[in-house]
Amino acid sequence: MLRDVLSFLIPLLPAFILIPLARRRALIRHLLSANATTAARAIVLPPGRRLDRFWQTRLTTQGVLRSGPNGSVWLDQDAWAEFIATRRRYALLVITGALAAFILARFLSRMS
């Protein structure tokens, strides 16, 4: 039973990871294409899907999106670069830890 559920869910995992990241990329591309990188060039974002609102809130909280006049927003490129660098460091740490755990498990299984 559990194996059947996992065999159904595991192929879907990349979609659950990639779709939110694609929406974040689309939001950033929209701001960059509108050249909304300073308070003077801030734009009002159209109401979007729940996932778009999630990223707007998350990036605003992180300081990547800054508020402009009349509900407009603009992209702080320095904060965006720092946000991405931090995410990459975290991903590298997680991958390195998983690889180390895998190697240790293989090593220990051969010892017994």
C-alpha atoms as a PDB file:
ATOM      1  CA  MET A   1       0.000   0.000   0.000  1.00  0.00           C
ATOM      2  CA  LEU A   2       2.658   2.513   1.058  1.00  0.00           C
ATOM      3  CA  ARG A   3       4.845   1.459  -1.838  1.00  0.00           C
ATOM      4  CA  ASP A   4       1.970   2.140  -4.262  1.00  0.00           C
ATOM      5  CA  VAL A   5       1.394   5.605  -2.800  1.00  0.00           C
ATOM      6  CA  LEU A   6       5.112   6.425  -2.952  1.00  0.00           C
ATOM      7  CA  SER A   7       5.426   5.135  -6.497  1.00  0.00           C
ATOM      8  CA  PHE A   8       2.643   7.540  -7.444  1.00  0.00           C
ATOM      9  CA  LEU A   9       3.958  10.557  -5.510  1.00  0.00           C
ATOM     10  CA  ILE A  10       7.698  10.389  -6.218  1.00  0.00           C
ATOM     11  CA  PRO A  11       7.406  11.250  -9.938  1.00  0.00           C
ATOM     12  CA  LEU A  12       5.335  14.300  -8.960  1.00  0.00           C
ATOM     13  CA  LEU A  13       7.967  15.733  -6.600  1.00  0.00           C
ATOM     14  CA  PRO A  14       9.888  17.634  -9.289  1.00  0.00           C
ATOM     15  CA  ALA A  15       6.672  19.409 -10.271  1.00  0.00           C
ATOM     16  CA  PHE A  16       6.059  20.459  -6.674  1.00  0.00           C
ATOM     17  CA  ILE A  17       9.559  21.927  -6.605  1.00  0.00           C
ATOM     18  CA  LEU A  18       9.895  23.325 -10.125  1.00  0.00           C
ATOM     19  CA  ILE A  19       6.497  25.005 -10.529  1.00  0.00           C
ATOM     20  CA  PRO A  20       6.926  27.366  -7.560  1.00  0.00           C
ATOM     21  CA  LEU A  21      10.452  28.230  -8.677  1.00  0.00           C
ATOM     22  CA  ALA A  22       9.204  28.919 -12.200  1.00  0.00           C
ATOM     23  CA  ARG A  23       6.572  31.321 -10.817  1.00  0.00           C
ATOM     24  CA  ARG A  24       9.277  33.131  -8.842  1.00  0.00           C
ATOM     25  CA  ARG A  25      11.443  33.405 -11.952  1.00  0.00           C
ATOM     26  CA  ALA A  26       8.466  34.722 -13.936  1.00  0.00           C
ATOM     27  CA  LEU A  27       7.825  37.401 -11.309  1.00  0.00           C
ATOM     28  CA  ILE A  28      11.468  38.527 -11.356  1.00  0.00           C
ATOM     29  CA  ARG A  29      11.559  38.476 -15.178  1.00  0.00           C
ATOM     30  CA  HIS A  30       8.415  40.614 -15.261  1.00  0.00           C
ATOM     31  CA  LEU A  31      10.013  43.213 -12.994  1.00  0.00           C
ATOM     32  CA  LEU A  32      13.262  43.186 -14.965  1.00  0.00           C
ATOM     33  CA  SER A  33      11.509  43.448 -18.326  1.00  0.00           C
ATOM     34  CA  ALA A  34       9.571  46.444 -16.999  1.00  0.00           C
ATOM     35  CA  ASN A  35      12.891  47.852 -15.756  1.00  0.00           C
ATOM     36  CA  ALA A  36      11.331  48.210 -12.292  1.00  0.00           C
ATOM     37  CA  THR A  37      14.656  48.326 -10.474  1.00  0.00           C
ATOM     38  CA  THR A  38      14.344  51.665  -8.684  1.00  0.00           C
ATOM     39  CA  ALA A  39      11.612  53.393  -6.708  1.00  0.00           C
ATOM     40  CA  ALA A  40      11.137  55.842  -9.584  1.00  0.00           C
ATOM     41  CA  ARG A  41      10.405  52.957 -11.987  1.00  0.00           C
ATOM     42  CA  ALA A  42       8.207  50.899  -9.642  1.00  0.00           C
ATOM     43  CA  ILE A  43       5.226  49.141 -11.209  1.00  0.00           C
ATOM     44  CA  VAL A  44       1.933  47.824  -9.909  1.00  0.00           C
ATOM     45  CA  LEU A  45       1.833  44.055 -10.217  1.00  0.00           C
ATOM     46  CA  PRO A  46      -1.382  42.563 -11.571  1.00  0.00           C
ATOM     47  CA  PRO A  47      -3.327  40.388  -9.164  1.00  0.00           C
ATOM     48  CA  GLY A  48      -2.051  36.900  -9.665  1.00  0.00           C
ATOM     49  CA  ARG A  49      -2.526  33.367  -8.532  1.00  0.00           C
ATOM     50  CA  ARG A  50      -2.051  32.310  -4.936  1.00  0.00           C
ATOM     51  CA  LEU A  51       1.492  31.190  -5.750  1.00  0.00           C
ATOM     52  CA  ASP A  52       2.302  34.614  -7.224  1.00  0.00           C
ATOM     53  CA  ARG A  53       0.999  36.320  -4.090  1.00  0.00           C
ATOM     54  CA  PHE A  54       3.092  33.924  -1.986  1.00  0.00           C
ATOM     55  CA  TRP A  55       6.265  34.944  -3.808  1.00  0.00           C
ATOM     56  CA  GLN A  56       5.387  38.631  -3.646  1.00  0.00           C
ATOM     57  CA  THR A  57       4.961  38.361   0.117  1.00  0.00           C
ATOM     58  CA  ARG A  58       8.063  36.221   0.572  1.00  0.00           C
ATOM     59  CA  LEU A  59      10.298  38.440  -1.550  1.00  0.00           C
ATOM     60  CA  THR A  60       8.944  41.578   0.122  1.00  0.00           C
ATOM     61  CA  THR A  61       9.676  40.098   3.542  1.00  0.00           C
ATOM     62  CA  GLN A  62      13.206  39.241   2.401  1.00  0.00           C
ATOM     63  CA  GLY A  63      13.753  42.785   1.158  1.00  0.00           C
ATOM     64  CA  VAL A  64      14.022  41.769  -2.489  1.00  0.00           C
ATOM     65  CA  LEU A  65      10.828  43.580  -3.486  1.00  0.00           C
ATOM     66  CA  ARG A  66      10.523  47.126  -2.222  1.00  0.00           C
ATOM     67  CA  SER A  67       7.324  49.115  -1.931  1.00  0.00           C
ATOM     68  CA  GLY A  68       6.848  52.146  -4.132  1.00  0.00           C
ATOM     69  CA  PRO A  69       4.100  54.739  -4.327  1.00  0.00           C
ATOM     70  CA  ASN A  70       0.451  53.693  -4.770  1.00  0.00           C
ATOM     71  CA  GLY A  71       1.018  49.990  -4.101  1.00  0.00           C
ATOM     72  CA  SER A  72       3.741  49.621  -6.698  1.00  0.00           C
ATOM     73  CA  VAL A  73       6.853  47.496  -6.209  1.00  0.00           C
ATOM     74  CA  TRP A  74      10.381  47.434  -7.539  1.00  0.00           C
ATOM     75  CA  LEU A  75      13.189  44.886  -7.515  1.00  0.00           C
ATOM     76  CA  ASP A  76      16.207  45.598  -5.331  1.00  0.00           C
ATOM     77  CA  GLN A  77      18.848  43.897  -7.467  1.00  0.00           C
ATOM     78  CA  ASP A  78      21.479  43.784  -4.722  1.00  0.00           C
ATOM     79  CA  ALA A  79      19.021  42.100  -2.330  1.00  0.00           C
ATOM     80  CA  TRP A  80      17.998  39.715  -5.134  1.00  0.00           C
ATOM     81  CA  ALA A  81      21.627  38.740  -5.758  1.00  0.00           C
ATOM     82  CA  GLU A  82      22.124  38.123  -2.034  1.00  0.00           C
ATOM     83  CA  PHE A  83      18.871  36.132  -1.824  1.00  0.00           C
ATOM     84  CA  ILE A  84      19.949  33.873  -4.700  1.00  0.00           C
ATOM     85  CA  ALA A  85      23.475  33.461  -3.307  1.00  0.00           C
ATOM     86  CA  THR A  86      22.056  32.417   0.059  1.00  0.00           C
ATOM     87  CA  ARG A  87      19.675  29.931  -1.577  1.00  0.00           C
ATOM     88  CA  ARG A  88      22.539  28.431  -3.597  1.00  0.00           C
ATOM     89  CA  ARG A  89      24.724  28.071  -0.496  1.00  0.00           C
ATOM     90  CA  TYR A  90      21.863  26.358   1.313  1.00  0.00           C
ATOM     91  CA  ALA A  91      21.223  24.001  -1.614  1.00  0.00           C
ATOM     92  CA  LEU A  92      24.924  23.140  -1.812  1.00  0.00           C
ATOM     93  CA  LEU A  93      24.964  22.425   1.926  1.00  0.00           C
ATOM     94  CA  VAL A  94      21.908  20.149   1.678  1.00  0.00           C
ATOM     95  CA  ILE A  95      23.316  18.257  -1.325  1.00  0.00           C
ATOM     96  CA  THR A  96      26.708  17.871   0.342  1.00  0.00           C
ATOM     97  CA  GLY A  97      25.084  16.597   3.541  1.00  0.00           C
ATOM     98  CA  ALA A  98      22.919  14.122   1.634  1.00  0.00           C
ATOM     99  CA  LEU A  99      25.924  12.868  -0.320  1.00  0.00           C
ATOM    100  CA  ALA A 100      27.974  12.493   2.870  1.00  0.00           C
ATOM    101  CA  ALA A 101      25.125  10.579   4.537  1.00  0.00           C
ATOM    102  CA  PHE A 102      24.828   8.310   1.501  1.00  0.00           C
ATOM    103  CA  ILE A 103      28.576   7.609   1.451  1.00  0.00           C
ATOM    104  CA  LEU A 104      28.605   6.958   5.208  1.00  0.00           C
ATOM    105  CA  ALA A 105      25.638   4.591   4.930  1.00  0.00           C
ATOM    106  CA  ARG A 106      27.311   2.677   2.105  1.00  0.00           C
ATOM    107  CA  PHE A 107      30.564   2.486   4.070  1.00  0.00           C
ATOM    108  CA  LEU A 108      28.833   1.252   7.216  1.00  0.00           C
ATOM    109  CA  SER A 109      26.754  -1.306   5.319  1.00  0.00           C
ATOM    110  CA  ARG A 110      29.926  -2.828   3.842  1.00  0.00           C
ATOM    111  CA  MET A 111      31.552  -3.088   7.269  1.00  0.00           C
ATOM    112  CA  SER A 112      28.870  -5.394   8.652  1.00  0.00           C
END
